[in-house]
């Protein structure tokens, strides 16, 4: 495996600055973090509706693989959401990917929103708010959404080890990688029209139980994202940009008709790469793009598969603006087939591959793509992703990108599992607890990939004590022996 410098070895801002310069990457960085009222991260953000979000940190949506088979939150889900409330972030982007139909789940323990789960989901939201009030005495500037999803190609609603995909089109490489027969029927236009109704119904239920907004998920290879790349699909949901965004328009227009006052956000993969895999004789992940180009990446350059082309992502944001969507969350790629661009990590998950680049290069890529999109649509509220790998240096980068108006909110995912108070400590100017900082061990991904719950097994004492922690060690040990 190619060795990269571990960021924990960089002890001073000068060390970090010299390191990013040595890599030749454009990574914004303030050598001095301001722990006062002038810090950009502490400034409120006002939505067009007049609603105020109290600071510039966001908790990104995560799946814990730990709901009940009926799609209800369990004690583990409640614990995670209470941690989100305690974190200090004022924007909670979905909290959890929540399926709009049981057969659209990514795993049999994913949350589902329907008439039978509404009461429990309301209690889940209230638990987050109560924890926030306990810590901060004010929740009026707390803004909470629910991410609505259908997993499409990556549905596993009944068995954690068995795909039951709903594909938008046949993708020759992904079909082969995930064992999808070439004669499998694609999801029909009629089924997509029916799903439109399910999203609208789910949004109405989310509004009834107090959520401020819903996210119409268009990222990471799931249904909404795959629709954006349906260049080869026939019919009204494929081919042209207008057709490939028809699903979003139908859902948004229906929500605005039936749920007046409910805000809408979109988390979307702004650009994509071909699938990566570890090839024999090569010690890092490699792209599987064919020599004649790669025509399946939204935001990608079909003639140069490892380059981005942001004209359609910008058009997508312009569409969102025309639909009166004022908040978007930018991410990249898919954790299923190119995880190193989605969530840069030093250690690969069990179904991944050794990173083909220093992970901090991936962080810089996230920041620069997001900044380019923010520059194109200054008036939109933009949430960035991919920051957790920065570790001790996250506050310095976060302050710089928000201060420089490259992004409006800094979104954190994995860091919230190992160290939910990281945001609180950062905003207070406290030195982060080095023993709790996420080091991107990827156990929170390796565990669910092997049928266990997701959590920070290396750093969170609660998960360390679980029987699943020993199971995870055995799984990882077996992987090293292969």
Foldseek 3Di string as FASTA:
>chain_A
DDDDDFLVVQDALVSVVVVVVVVVFDFAFDRDFDQDPPQQQQPWDADPVRAIAGGFAEAEADWFLAADLVQARDPVLLVLLLLLLQLPGQHYAANYAEELDLQQDLASRHHYDDPVHLVRVLVSVVSSPVSNCVRPVDNSNRAFEREYFGFAQRGDNDHLVDGPHQHQDDDPVVCVVRVPDPPDDHHDPVNLVVVLVSLLNRQQSRVVSPHQAYEDEQAANGDNVQLCQQCPDDDQSYNDNNSSCVSVVSNLVSNCVPPPRRAYEYEHAQKAAAFWDDDPPDQWTDHPADCCFDSRMRQADRNDRVHGDRPSSLVVVVVCVVSVHQEYEYAHYHCQGQVLLRANACARALRHHHHPDRSVSSVSVQLVVLLVSCVSPVRGAYETDHQLQSWQRSSRSQSRCCVVSSHRHYYDYQLSQQPSNPNVCSNNVHRDDNLRRDNRNCLQPNQSNVPHTGGPCVRDVVNVPDPSSVVSVVVVVVSVVD
